[in-house]
Amino acid sequence: MKKTLAALSLIALSGTALAAGAFDGIYAATAGTVGYLTVHQTGSSMIAGSYAFARSDGTIRFTYSGSSVTPPVIGVWDVFGGTISEATALLKGDMFNGACETTWELIFEGDTIKTRVAAITPTALGAQQQFACSRVLPINTLAQFKKVF
């Protein structure tokens, strides 16, 4: 037990065990929507997770060990990956439950991120279900996030 605690302490205190980029952190949307970004960078590689809420039409039901709930809103995570050069990142990932492949441009200015939809196209799932990606989230849609952690 003591060896395990010592090993965990060394890892926790070691600067090489943690990757922390200049823009790492959690950012909250500043207007219009309730949402968050969590950003992580190692060198020129970056990933971002977005957390937002989607309204439910009342037909989605979750069951846990025999108990069910029909939530009015559902928390949704989307994950994006790509590269960053200086203070501008281009990150790509799927949105809308896998219906759209989206490329975001993120511009970091101090403790603020300005985002722009650079591209959005249906995935095979989106095309099969005729999901209108660019109508739901038009190209050049802008948003802004402020660092909270």
Foldseek 3Di string as FASTA:
>chain_A
DVVVVVVVVCLVPDPVNDAADPQAAKWFFDDDFGKIKGWGDHAFKIKIKIKGKDADPQPDWDDDPHDIDRDRIDIDIWMWIFTDDDFWTWTWTADPVQQKIWIKIWGDDPQKTKIFTQDIDTDPVNVVVVPPTCVVPNGGDITMIGGDD
